[in-house]
Amino acid sequence: MYCLHSRLVSKPIQYFLMTSDWKRDVTGLLATAEHPLIVVLGPTASGKTAFSIALAKSIVSTGREAEIINADSRQLYCYLNIGTAKVTPKEMQGIPHHLIDVLDPKEEAAAGWYQGEARRVIQNMQKRGAVPVLVGGSMLYVSSVIDALTLAPVPDPVLRARLIEEYDQDGGAALFARLQEIDPETADSIHRNNKPHLVRAVEIYELLKAPKSEAVPQRELRSDENVSEYDLLIFGMQWDREELCVRIDERTKKMFEEGWLEEVEDLLKKGYSADNPGMKSHGYREIMTYMEGSCDDLKALRELIAAKTRQYAKRQMSWWRGDSRIRWICPALQTIRS
């Protein structure tokens, strides 16, 4: 486990570049790998962006191209910038980035769709001799690329609308009875009142002509065999739990200071609503509720969003815990001696 000592906020890139361990690993990978893929993952607010750009610039300095592929499901959306901590053109420092601002907030982001797009981008980069760096904290999206997962098909808006209408006619009774007939195993794991899961299970059957329990095995949601079509080098950003919570709280506060409320207000003016898929991003629906007058305590709103983000960070680390492929990097809250 590598420990890169840095201050909480000040110039993390310089401190990352002081360490030779990860650079040696990158050099070793690129010297032998036929299909290299470098991955930078970790919980929200852990410093993935800064480290990934430092890493890419280090590769570029050796004469090879390096480009970053976004693996954060929320940064796929246009207009959601502040609340998703989307990397800015200035922060990119000339490193090309892919799969950012590619979806409208009214479009559904699906891991199956993302898997295909990411593989296409990686293939294109490798044909050009560029080194792909996959960066993000969306667990299933990262795994969809590196673990050769079998994923559910991309949702069909027309089919889904029909199934939702069917569910609403009788509270899901007929739809659930149908699921029990076509896929009893999945039906046993879903309550009839769980509208999104019930609709999705029937939708998968309609699209694949096979039950979800057979077409999308649960075991493949986390690959036990670590099968990958790429030569992987995976770096993970890890903080002490209390230190990470401090970073999340400080970043949430900074987002409000940078105009998050105004960003959401602009989204409402553009015609978007809390029901749009893009608004599943942490904080956006909460802010829209706040603007509707359901809450008038801005401090309480900020703490609610920070608390939900802390819970998400915990789930992220639980997902990756035990993956022996990950080389963990710990940006400790310590001052570097000159």
Protein backbone atom coordinates (compact mmCIF):
# COMPACT_ATOMS: atom_id res chain seq x y z
CA MET A 1 0.00 0.00 0.00
CA TYR A 2 1.48 3.32 -1.06
CA CYS A 3 1.06 6.37 1.18
CA LEU A 4 1.31 9.73 -0.54
CA HIS A 5 1.41 12.45 2.06
CA SER A 6 -0.39 15.67 1.12
CA ARG A 7 -2.27 18.56 2.58
CA LEU A 8 -6.05 18.45 2.44
CA VAL A 9 -6.46 20.84 -0.48
CA SER A 10 -3.23 22.54 -1.46
CA LYS A 11 -1.61 21.37 -4.69
CA PRO A 12 -2.12 17.60 -4.44
CA ILE A 13 -0.67 17.02 -7.91
CA GLN A 14 2.80 18.20 -6.89
CA TYR A 15 2.75 15.85 -3.94
CA PHE A 16 1.58 12.91 -6.03
CA LEU A 17 4.43 13.50 -8.47
CA MET A 18 6.95 13.26 -5.65
CA THR A 19 6.25 9.53 -5.33
CA SER A 20 8.05 7.08 -7.61
CA ASP A 21 6.21 3.87 -6.67
CA TRP A 22 3.16 4.29 -8.91
CA LYS A 23 5.32 5.69 -11.71
CA ARG A 24 7.45 2.57 -11.61
CA ASP A 25 4.32 0.41 -11.81
CA VAL A 26 3.04 2.38 -14.80
CA THR A 27 6.39 2.10 -16.57
CA GLY A 28 6.42 -1.65 -15.97
CA LEU A 29 2.91 -2.08 -17.33
CA LEU A 30 3.53 -0.09 -20.47
CA ALA A 31 6.76 -1.93 -21.18
CA THR A 32 5.04 -5.31 -21.44
CA ALA A 33 1.25 -4.88 -21.83
CA GLU A 34 -0.41 -5.55 -25.16
CA HIS A 35 -3.74 -3.98 -24.15
CA PRO A 36 -2.99 -1.68 -21.19
CA LEU A 37 -5.75 -0.08 -19.17
CA ILE A 38 -4.96 2.00 -16.12
CA VAL A 39 -7.81 2.52 -13.66
CA VAL A 40 -8.13 5.18 -10.97
CA LEU A 41 -11.03 4.54 -8.60
CA GLY A 42 -12.07 5.52 -5.10
CA PRO A 43 -14.82 7.16 -3.08
CA THR A 44 -16.19 10.59 -3.81
CA ALA A 45 -13.92 13.50 -2.78
CA SER A 46 -10.84 11.28 -2.54
CA GLY A 47 -8.68 13.06 -5.12
CA LYS A 48 -9.18 10.88 -8.21
CA THR A 49 -9.20 13.79 -10.65
CA ALA A 50 -5.93 15.31 -9.46
CA PHE A 51 -4.14 11.99 -9.35
CA SER A 52 -5.40 10.81 -12.74
CA ILE A 53 -4.25 14.00 -14.47
CA ALA A 54 -0.85 13.77 -12.78
CA LEU A 55 -0.61 10.16 -13.92
CA ALA A 56 -1.61 10.99 -17.50
CA LYS A 57 0.86 13.88 -17.66
CA SER A 58 3.60 11.58 -16.40
CA ILE A 59 2.89 9.17 -19.27
CA VAL A 60 2.84 12.02 -21.79
CA SER A 61 6.24 13.18 -20.54
CA THR A 62 7.68 9.84 -21.72
CA GLY A 63 6.54 10.47 -25.28
CA ARG A 64 3.32 8.41 -25.26
CA GLU A 65 -0.21 9.74 -25.46
CA ALA A 66 -2.53 9.28 -22.49
CA GLU A 67 -6.25 10.08 -22.37
CA ILE A 68 -8.84 9.88 -19.59
CA ILE A 69 -12.19 8.10 -19.80
CA ASN A 70 -14.85 9.20 -17.34
CA ALA A 71 -16.39 6.42 -15.21
CA ASP A 72 -18.63 8.65 -13.09
CA SER A 73 -22.24 8.09 -14.13
CA ARG A 74 -23.27 11.61 -13.12
CA GLN A 75 -20.57 13.34 -15.14
CA LEU A 76 -22.05 11.80 -18.28
CA TYR A 77 -24.75 14.48 -18.06
CA CYS A 78 -24.66 17.93 -19.61
CA TYR A 79 -25.31 20.96 -17.38
CA LEU A 80 -24.59 19.08 -14.12
CA ASN A 81 -21.20 20.60 -13.37
CA ILE A 82 -20.81 21.95 -9.84
CA GLY A 83 -22.78 19.27 -8.03
CA THR A 84 -20.93 16.44 -9.77
CA ALA A 85 -17.49 18.01 -9.26
CA LYS A 86 -17.02 17.71 -13.02
CA VAL A 87 -13.45 18.29 -14.16
CA THR A 88 -13.02 21.71 -15.77
CA PRO A 89 -11.06 22.44 -18.97
CA LYS A 90 -8.45 24.22 -16.85
CA GLU A 91 -8.10 21.20 -14.53
CA MET A 92 -7.66 18.89 -17.54
CA GLN A 93 -4.31 20.57 -18.25
CA GLY A 94 -4.45 19.55 -21.88
CA ILE A 95 -5.22 15.88 -21.23
CA PRO A 96 -8.09 14.71 -23.50
CA HIS A 97 -11.17 13.48 -21.61
CA HIS A 98 -13.92 11.21 -22.96
CA LEU A 99 -17.54 10.40 -22.00
CA ILE A 100 -18.22 13.72 -20.28
CA ASP A 101 -21.34 15.75 -21.20
CA VAL A 102 -22.66 13.04 -23.52
CA LEU A 103 -26.20 12.64 -22.13
CA ASP A 104 -29.11 15.00 -21.64
CA PRO A 105 -30.46 14.97 -18.05
CA LYS A 106 -33.72 13.54 -19.40
CA GLU A 107 -31.90 10.47 -20.75
CA GLU A 108 -31.34 7.33 -18.71
CA ALA A 109 -27.75 6.36 -17.93
CA ALA A 110 -27.36 2.58 -18.01
CA ALA A 111 -24.30 0.50 -17.20
CA GLY A 112 -24.88 -1.65 -20.27
CA TRP A 113 -24.84 1.37 -22.56
CA TYR A 114 -21.80 2.78 -20.78
CA GLN A 115 -19.92 -0.51 -21.11
CA GLY A 116 -20.28 -0.43 -24.90
CA GLU A 117 -19.29 3.23 -25.17
CA ALA A 118 -16.25 2.86 -22.92
CA ARG A 119 -15.01 -0.22 -24.79
CA ARG A 120 -15.38 1.64 -28.08
CA VAL A 121 -13.33 4.59 -26.79
CA ILE A 122 -10.65 2.31 -25.32
CA GLN A 123 -10.37 0.34 -28.56
CA ASN A 124 -9.97 3.54 -30.55
CA MET A 125 -7.28 4.82 -28.20
CA GLN A 126 -5.33 1.59 -28.25
CA LYS A 127 -5.36 1.54 -32.06
CA ARG A 128 -3.74 4.97 -31.95
CA GLY A 129 -1.19 3.87 -29.38
CA ALA A 130 -2.64 6.09 -26.65
CA VAL A 131 -2.83 4.83 -23.07
CA PRO A 132 -6.40 4.77 -21.69
CA VAL A 133 -6.91 5.86 -18.08
CA LEU A 134 -10.36 4.95 -16.71
CA VAL A 135 -11.30 7.28 -13.84
CA GLY A 136 -14.38 7.31 -11.62
CA GLY A 137 -16.27 6.15 -8.60
CA SER A 138 -19.38 4.56 -10.12
CA MET A 139 -18.78 1.00 -8.99
CA LEU A 140 -20.83 -0.93 -11.54
CA TYR A 141 -19.64 1.27 -14.39
CA VAL A 142 -15.99 0.59 -13.56
CA SER A 143 -16.65 -3.13 -13.14
CA SER A 144 -18.60 -3.29 -16.38
CA VAL A 145 -15.39 -2.40 -18.21
CA ILE A 146 -12.69 -4.20 -16.26
CA ASP A 147 -14.51 -7.40 -15.24
CA ALA A 148 -16.20 -8.51 -18.47
CA LEU A 149 -19.61 -8.42 -16.81
CA THR A 150 -22.80 -9.61 -18.43
CA LEU A 151 -25.18 -6.69 -18.00
CA ALA A 152 -28.86 -6.07 -18.46
CA PRO A 153 -29.87 -4.48 -21.78
CA VAL A 154 -30.23 -0.74 -22.23
CA PRO A 155 -33.77 0.40 -21.27
CA ASP A 156 -36.30 0.89 -24.06
CA PRO A 157 -38.26 4.14 -23.37
CA VAL A 158 -41.35 3.07 -25.36
CA LEU A 159 -41.51 -0.38 -23.79
CA ARG A 160 -40.89 1.01 -20.32
CA ALA A 161 -43.66 3.59 -20.70
CA ARG A 162 -46.08 0.82 -21.69
CA LEU A 163 -45.09 -1.34 -18.72
CA ILE A 164 -45.41 1.60 -16.32
CA GLU A 165 -48.89 2.31 -17.66
CA GLU A 166 -49.75 -1.35 -17.19
CA TYR A 167 -48.46 -1.26 -13.61
CA ASP A 168 -50.48 1.86 -12.79
CA GLN A 169 -53.73 0.29 -13.96
CA ASP A 170 -53.93 -2.15 -11.04
CA GLY A 171 -50.99 -1.36 -8.79
CA GLY A 172 -48.78 -3.97 -10.44
CA ALA A 173 -50.99 -7.00 -9.79
CA ALA A 174 -51.11 -8.21 -13.42
CA LEU A 175 -47.48 -7.34 -14.08
CA PHE A 176 -46.34 -9.21 -10.99
CA ALA A 177 -48.43 -12.25 -11.92
CA ARG A 178 -46.80 -12.20 -15.32
CA LEU A 179 -43.31 -12.03 -13.79
CA GLN A 180 -44.15 -14.98 -11.56
CA GLU A 181 -44.98 -16.95 -14.70
CA ILE A 182 -41.98 -15.97 -16.85
CA ASP A 183 -39.31 -15.58 -14.16
CA PRO A 184 -40.39 -17.03 -10.78
CA GLU A 185 -36.87 -16.77 -9.33
CA THR A 186 -36.72 -13.01 -9.85
CA ALA A 187 -40.34 -12.64 -8.73
CA ASP A 188 -39.43 -14.22 -5.39
CA SER A 189 -36.88 -11.44 -4.81
CA ILE A 190 -39.13 -8.49 -5.73
CA HIS A 191 -42.14 -7.15 -3.84
CA ARG A 192 -45.14 -6.32 -5.95
CA ASN A 193 -45.05 -2.74 -4.67
CA ASN A 194 -41.48 -2.23 -5.86
CA LYS A 195 -42.54 -0.57 -9.08
CA PRO A 196 -39.09 0.26 -10.60
CA HIS A 197 -37.67 -3.25 -10.04
CA LEU A 198 -40.82 -5.01 -11.19
CA VAL A 199 -41.07 -2.96 -14.37
CA ARG A 200 -37.37 -3.46 -15.09
CA ALA A 201 -37.54 -7.23 -14.60
CA VAL A 202 -40.39 -7.58 -17.10
CA GLU A 203 -38.66 -5.15 -19.46
CA ILE A 204 -35.50 -7.31 -19.46
CA TYR A 205 -37.58 -10.36 -20.34
CA GLU A 206 -39.26 -8.49 -23.19
CA LEU A 207 -35.92 -7.31 -24.59
CA LEU A 208 -33.93 -10.53 -24.22
CA LYS A 209 -36.74 -13.10 -24.49
CA ALA A 210 -35.14 -14.71 -21.46
CA PRO A 211 -35.70 -14.27 -17.71
CA LYS A 212 -33.46 -11.86 -15.84
CA SER A 213 -32.38 -14.62 -13.45
CA GLU A 214 -30.82 -16.51 -16.38
CA ALA A 215 -29.74 -13.71 -18.71
CA VAL A 216 -28.13 -11.49 -16.06
CA PRO A 217 -26.67 -13.79 -13.37
CA GLN A 218 -26.33 -12.10 -10.00
CA ARG A 219 -22.87 -13.57 -9.51
CA GLU A 220 -21.61 -11.60 -12.47
CA LEU A 221 -22.37 -8.27 -10.83
CA ARG A 222 -19.09 -8.78 -8.97
CA SER A 223 -16.67 -10.90 -10.92
CA ASP A 224 -15.07 -13.50 -8.67
CA GLU A 225 -12.76 -14.69 -11.39
CA ASN A 226 -11.27 -11.24 -12.11
CA VAL A 227 -11.52 -11.91 -15.84
CA SER A 228 -10.59 -8.95 -18.02
CA GLU A 229 -9.82 -8.41 -21.68
CA TYR A 230 -7.30 -5.74 -20.68
CA ASP A 231 -3.88 -5.69 -19.01
CA LEU A 232 -4.95 -3.87 -15.87
CA LEU A 233 -3.20 -1.59 -13.42
CA ILE A 234 -5.67 -0.35 -10.81
CA PHE A 235 -4.98 2.47 -8.36
CA GLY A 236 -7.43 3.20 -5.54
CA MET A 237 -7.65 6.37 -3.46
CA GLN A 238 -8.17 5.60 0.21
CA TRP A 239 -8.58 7.91 3.18
CA ASP A 240 -9.22 7.34 6.83
CA ARG A 241 -13.00 7.39 7.25
CA GLU A 242 -13.04 10.50 9.46
CA GLU A 243 -10.68 12.38 7.15
CA LEU A 244 -12.78 11.52 4.11
CA CYS A 245 -15.91 12.78 5.89
CA VAL A 246 -14.15 16.10 6.50
CA ARG A 247 -13.26 16.32 2.79
CA ILE A 248 -16.85 15.56 1.78
CA ASP A 249 -18.25 18.19 4.15
CA GLU A 250 -15.76 20.80 2.94
CA ARG A 251 -16.41 20.02 -0.71
CA THR A 252 -20.19 20.19 -0.24
CA LYS A 253 -19.80 23.60 1.37
CA LYS A 254 -17.55 24.74 -1.49
CA MET A 255 -20.10 23.59 -4.07
CA PHE A 256 -22.72 25.86 -2.55
CA GLU A 257 -20.23 28.73 -2.46
CA GLU A 258 -19.44 28.18 -6.16
CA GLY A 259 -23.10 28.51 -7.17
CA TRP A 260 -24.74 25.09 -6.94
CA LEU A 261 -28.12 26.65 -6.14
CA GLU A 262 -27.86 28.85 -9.22
CA GLU A 263 -26.90 25.84 -11.35
CA VAL A 264 -30.04 23.98 -10.25
CA GLU A 265 -32.16 27.08 -10.80
CA ASP A 266 -30.80 27.26 -14.36
CA LEU A 267 -31.72 23.59 -14.89
CA LEU A 268 -35.30 24.33 -13.83
CA LYS A 269 -35.42 27.24 -16.27
CA LYS A 270 -34.28 24.89 -19.03
CA GLY A 271 -37.31 22.69 -18.32
CA TYR A 272 -35.73 19.91 -16.28
CA SER A 273 -37.41 18.50 -13.18
CA ALA A 274 -36.68 16.30 -10.19
CA ASP A 275 -38.15 13.34 -12.08
CA ASN A 276 -35.48 13.39 -14.77
CA PRO A 277 -32.87 10.59 -14.57
CA GLY A 278 -29.97 13.02 -14.36
CA MET A 279 -31.38 14.44 -11.15
CA LYS A 280 -30.58 11.21 -9.32
CA SER A 281 -27.19 12.80 -8.77
CA HIS A 282 -26.55 13.52 -5.09
CA GLY A 283 -28.03 16.85 -4.08
CA TYR A 284 -29.93 17.91 -7.19
CA ARG A 285 -33.35 16.61 -6.17
CA GLU A 286 -32.81 17.84 -2.61
CA ILE A 287 -32.04 21.33 -3.88
CA MET A 288 -35.09 21.28 -6.16
CA THR A 289 -37.25 20.31 -3.17
CA TYR A 290 -35.68 23.17 -1.23
CA MET A 291 -36.54 25.59 -4.04
CA GLU A 292 -40.14 24.39 -4.01
CA GLY A 293 -40.38 25.66 -0.44
CA SER A 294 -40.49 22.29 1.33
CA CYS A 295 -37.46 23.37 3.35
CA ASP A 296 -36.13 26.84 4.12
CA ASP A 297 -33.05 25.90 6.15
CA LEU A 298 -30.04 26.14 3.84
CA LYS A 299 -27.64 24.80 6.47
CA ALA A 300 -29.87 21.76 7.03
CA LEU A 301 -30.03 21.20 3.25
CA ARG A 302 -26.25 21.28 2.99
CA GLU A 303 -25.86 18.81 5.85
CA LEU A 304 -28.49 16.48 4.34
CA ILE A 305 -26.58 16.37 1.05
CA ALA A 306 -23.24 15.88 2.81
CA ALA A 307 -24.70 13.05 4.92
CA LYS A 308 -26.02 11.23 1.84
CA THR A 309 -22.66 11.68 0.13
CA ARG A 310 -20.86 10.23 3.15
CA GLN A 311 -23.17 7.20 3.02
CA TYR A 312 -22.44 6.75 -0.68
CA ALA A 313 -18.68 6.92 -0.03
CA LYS A 314 -19.07 4.13 2.51
CA ARG A 315 -20.87 1.96 -0.06
CA GLN A 316 -18.15 2.66 -2.59
CA MET A 317 -15.39 1.43 -0.29
CA SER A 318 -17.45 -1.63 0.67
CA TRP A 319 -17.74 -2.54 -3.01
CA TRP A 320 -13.97 -2.46 -3.59
CA ARG A 321 -12.90 -3.95 -0.28
CA GLY A 322 -11.18 -7.26 -0.84
CA ASP A 323 -10.23 -6.66 -4.48
CA SER A 324 -6.58 -7.70 -4.41
CA ARG A 325 -5.87 -6.09 -7.78
CA ILE A 326 -6.14 -2.58 -6.37
CA ARG A 327 -2.96 -0.73 -5.38
CA TRP A 328 -4.21 1.58 -2.67
CA ILE A 329 -2.87 5.11 -2.40
CA CYS A 330 -3.42 6.99 0.88
CA PRO A 331 -3.16 10.78 0.62
CA ALA A 332 -2.66 11.25 4.38
CA LEU A 333 -3.47 14.57 6.06
CA GLN A 334 0.11 15.41 6.91
CA THR A 335 2.44 18.25 6.06
CA ILE A 336 5.39 17.34 3.89
CA ARG A 337 8.74 18.34 5.24
CA SER A 338 10.92 20.13 2.72
